[in-house]
Amino acid sequence: MGIPTWCYTVTNESELKLLIKALTFAANKHRNQRRKNVDAFPYINHPISLVNILCNEVHITDISVICAALLHDTVEDTETTAEELALEFGHEISGIVMEVTDDQAITVRQKRKQLQIEHASHISEKAKLLKLADKISNLRDLVNEPPATWSLARRREYFDWAKQVIDQLRGTHPELEELFDQAYSRRM
């Protein structure tokens, strides 16, 4: 009895390898990070959540979007550089990641948040898909597994700010926008 023939059937082996490389890279970079919820889930669950939303909920399978979703917080939240991402994953994927990465040189959180609102409509279509999935995931987490130290007021503030960002992306992807609206409807 040999290896079943379905084991040899890979739609696009190079894309599958790139996906696994991005997942491995992100898992390694986020290995010591935890989400802020009571159970302190491993941080990698968040990028995986974005991939699940994009791929399984709205059927987006563009490999650059999926890989960027896995990598989207590496520059912002780890020691990863834009140059490192470009070297490892190419300019398209690193470019998408950088479009959704806050400028950490801006030390005032409120200013960074305002810039997300102002820049949202100017990012690429692929970055917009990623931004939508990120906000959906974050709102779901705020309802189901909120950060232990966040007050109700802070959670409401996040919901309202996320809506301001997403309102700048309207017309990008109706299904993702509907998922966002469903998540937003659960605002406490």
Protein backbone atom coordinates (compact mmCIF):
# COMPACT_ATOMS: atom_id res chain seq x y z
CA MET A 1 0.00 0.00 0.00
CA GLY A 2 1.63 3.24 -1.14
CA ILE A 3 0.98 6.91 -0.47
CA PRO A 4 -2.53 7.92 -1.61
CA THR A 5 -2.60 9.90 -4.86
CA TRP A 6 -4.36 12.85 -3.19
CA CYS A 7 -1.16 13.48 -1.24
CA TYR A 8 0.47 14.56 -4.48
CA THR A 9 -2.32 16.94 -5.51
CA VAL A 10 -1.40 20.44 -4.40
CA THR A 11 -3.11 23.25 -6.26
CA ASN A 12 -0.09 25.50 -6.05
CA GLU A 13 2.84 24.12 -4.13
CA SER A 14 4.82 27.38 -4.13
CA GLU A 15 1.88 29.26 -2.58
CA LEU A 16 1.42 26.58 0.05
CA LYS A 17 5.11 26.78 0.91
CA LEU A 18 4.90 30.58 1.15
CA LEU A 19 1.88 30.30 3.46
CA ILE A 20 3.70 27.88 5.76
CA LYS A 21 6.79 30.12 5.70
CA ALA A 22 4.68 33.15 6.71
CA LEU A 23 2.93 31.20 9.46
CA THR A 24 6.24 29.91 10.81
CA PHE A 25 7.82 33.37 10.64
CA ALA A 26 4.88 35.02 12.43
CA ALA A 27 4.69 32.27 15.08
CA ASN A 28 8.40 32.65 15.78
CA LYS A 29 8.25 36.46 15.96
CA HIS A 30 5.20 36.42 18.27
CA ARG A 31 6.35 33.37 20.29
CA ASN A 32 6.66 35.21 23.62
CA GLN A 33 3.62 37.45 23.18
CA ARG A 34 0.18 36.95 24.63
CA ARG A 35 -3.17 38.58 24.01
CA LYS A 36 -4.43 40.82 26.80
CA ASN A 37 -7.46 38.68 27.66
CA VAL A 38 -7.81 36.91 31.01
CA ASP A 39 -6.58 33.59 29.59
CA ALA A 40 -3.61 35.30 27.86
CA PHE A 41 -4.06 33.41 24.60
CA PRO A 42 -0.96 33.06 22.42
CA TYR A 43 -0.69 36.15 20.22
CA ILE A 44 -0.41 34.07 17.03
CA ASN A 45 -4.11 33.24 17.41
CA HIS A 46 -4.90 36.80 16.27
CA PRO A 47 -3.18 36.64 12.85
CA ILE A 48 -4.64 33.17 12.36
CA SER A 49 -8.07 34.64 13.10
CA LEU A 50 -7.59 37.13 10.26
CA VAL A 51 -6.69 34.33 7.86
CA ASN A 52 -9.78 32.40 8.95
CA ILE A 53 -12.00 35.43 8.35
CA LEU A 54 -10.49 36.14 4.95
CA CYS A 55 -10.22 32.59 3.66
CA ASN A 56 -13.00 30.62 5.32
CA GLU A 57 -15.64 33.28 5.92
CA VAL A 58 -15.40 35.39 2.75
CA HIS A 59 -13.35 33.12 0.44
CA ILE A 60 -10.40 35.43 -0.20
CA THR A 61 -7.51 33.20 -1.18
CA ASP A 62 -5.05 35.70 -2.66
CA ILE A 63 -1.79 34.42 -1.22
CA SER A 64 -0.30 37.89 -0.77
CA VAL A 65 -3.31 38.98 1.32
CA ILE A 66 -3.30 35.76 3.36
CA CYS A 67 0.45 35.94 4.06
CA ALA A 68 0.21 39.65 4.89
CA ALA A 69 -2.58 38.81 7.35
CA LEU A 70 -0.30 36.38 9.13
CA LEU A 71 2.52 38.94 9.19
CA HIS A 72 0.49 42.10 9.77
CA ASP A 73 1.66 42.82 13.34
CA THR A 74 5.27 41.67 13.05
CA VAL A 75 6.77 45.10 12.30
CA GLU A 76 4.51 46.93 14.73
CA ASP A 77 4.79 44.51 17.66
CA THR A 78 8.14 42.71 17.27
CA GLU A 79 11.71 43.50 16.29
CA THR A 80 10.94 42.73 12.63
CA THR A 81 11.89 45.40 10.08
CA ALA A 82 10.27 46.27 6.77
CA GLU A 83 13.52 45.31 5.08
CA GLU A 84 13.48 41.88 6.71
CA LEU A 85 9.91 41.28 5.52
CA ALA A 86 10.78 42.39 1.99
CA LEU A 87 13.78 40.08 1.93
CA GLU A 88 11.81 37.10 3.25
CA PHE A 89 8.47 37.63 1.47
CA GLY A 90 8.97 40.09 -1.36
CA HIS A 91 7.85 43.65 -1.90
CA GLU A 92 4.16 42.96 -2.47
CA ILE A 93 3.55 41.18 0.85
CA SER A 94 5.85 43.49 2.82
CA GLY A 95 4.17 46.48 1.17
CA ILE A 96 0.71 45.34 2.29
CA VAL A 97 2.00 44.81 5.83
CA MET A 98 3.58 48.25 5.90
CA GLU A 99 0.35 49.89 4.70
CA VAL A 100 -1.44 48.63 7.81
CA THR A 101 1.45 49.20 10.23
CA ASP A 102 1.26 52.16 12.58
CA ASP A 103 4.28 54.44 12.68
CA GLN A 104 5.77 53.64 16.09
CA ALA A 105 7.86 56.82 15.92
CA ILE A 106 4.60 58.63 16.71
CA THR A 107 4.50 58.11 20.44
CA VAL A 108 1.05 59.57 21.10
CA ARG A 109 -1.48 56.74 20.76
CA GLN A 110 -4.36 59.09 19.92
CA LYS A 111 -2.36 60.59 17.04
CA ARG A 112 -1.61 57.12 15.61
CA LYS A 113 -5.29 56.23 15.87
CA GLN A 114 -6.32 59.43 14.09
CA LEU A 115 -3.81 58.74 11.32
CA GLN A 116 -5.38 55.30 10.77
CA ILE A 117 -8.72 57.02 10.13
CA GLU A 118 -7.15 59.60 7.81
CA HIS A 119 -5.08 57.10 5.81
CA ALA A 120 -7.58 54.23 5.56
CA SER A 121 -9.15 55.36 2.29
CA HIS A 122 -5.73 55.77 0.65
CA ILE A 123 -4.33 52.27 1.16
CA SER A 124 -4.38 49.56 -1.52
CA GLU A 125 -7.36 47.26 -2.02
CA LYS A 126 -5.41 44.34 -0.56
CA ALA A 127 -4.47 46.37 2.51
CA LYS A 128 -8.12 47.39 2.90
CA LEU A 129 -9.14 43.72 3.01
CA LEU A 130 -6.57 43.11 5.71
CA LYS A 131 -7.66 46.18 7.69
CA LEU A 132 -11.29 45.02 7.56
CA ALA A 133 -10.40 41.53 8.79
CA ASP A 134 -8.22 42.97 11.56
CA LYS A 135 -10.99 45.18 12.91
CA ILE A 136 -13.53 42.33 12.70
CA SER A 137 -11.21 40.07 14.67
CA ASN A 138 -10.50 42.75 17.26
CA LEU A 139 -14.17 43.56 17.82
CA ARG A 140 -15.03 39.88 18.18
CA ASP A 141 -12.23 39.51 20.72
CA LEU A 142 -13.43 42.56 22.65
CA VAL A 143 -16.84 40.93 23.03
CA ASN A 144 -15.74 37.33 23.63
CA GLU A 145 -12.33 37.68 25.31
CA PRO A 146 -11.81 41.33 26.32
CA PRO A 147 -8.49 42.56 27.68
CA ALA A 148 -8.50 42.01 31.41
CA THR A 149 -7.58 45.60 32.23
CA TRP A 150 -9.87 47.39 29.75
CA SER A 151 -12.87 49.15 31.18
CA LEU A 152 -16.24 49.12 29.44
CA ALA A 153 -15.62 52.73 28.41
CA ARG A 154 -12.31 51.83 26.76
CA ARG A 155 -13.90 48.92 24.88
CA ARG A 156 -16.69 51.19 23.65
CA GLU A 157 -14.11 53.77 22.60
CA TYR A 158 -12.29 51.10 20.57
CA PHE A 159 -15.53 50.00 18.90
CA ASP A 160 -16.35 53.56 17.89
CA TRP A 161 -12.83 54.28 16.64
CA ALA A 162 -12.78 51.02 14.64
CA LYS A 163 -16.04 52.06 12.98
CA GLN A 164 -14.49 55.40 12.00
CA VAL A 165 -11.63 53.52 10.33
CA ILE A 166 -13.93 51.06 8.55
CA ASP A 167 -16.25 53.83 7.38
CA GLN A 168 -13.29 55.04 5.30
CA LEU A 169 -13.12 51.61 3.62
CA ARG A 170 -16.79 51.28 2.66
CA GLY A 171 -17.25 49.89 -0.83
CA THR A 172 -14.18 47.66 -0.61
CA HIS A 173 -15.78 44.27 0.10
CA PRO A 174 -19.51 44.00 0.99
CA GLU A 175 -19.18 40.64 2.77
CA LEU A 176 -16.34 41.82 5.01
CA GLU A 177 -18.20 45.04 5.69
CA GLU A 178 -21.27 43.04 6.70
CA LEU A 179 -19.15 40.94 9.06
CA PHE A 180 -17.76 44.14 10.55
CA ASP A 181 -21.29 45.55 10.99
CA GLN A 182 -22.35 42.32 12.69
CA ALA A 183 -19.40 42.54 15.05
CA TYR A 184 -20.05 46.22 15.70
CA SER A 185 -23.70 45.49 16.51
CA ARG A 186 -22.43 43.65 19.60
CA ARG A 187 -20.99 46.88 21.05
CA MET A 188 -21.54 46.82 24.80
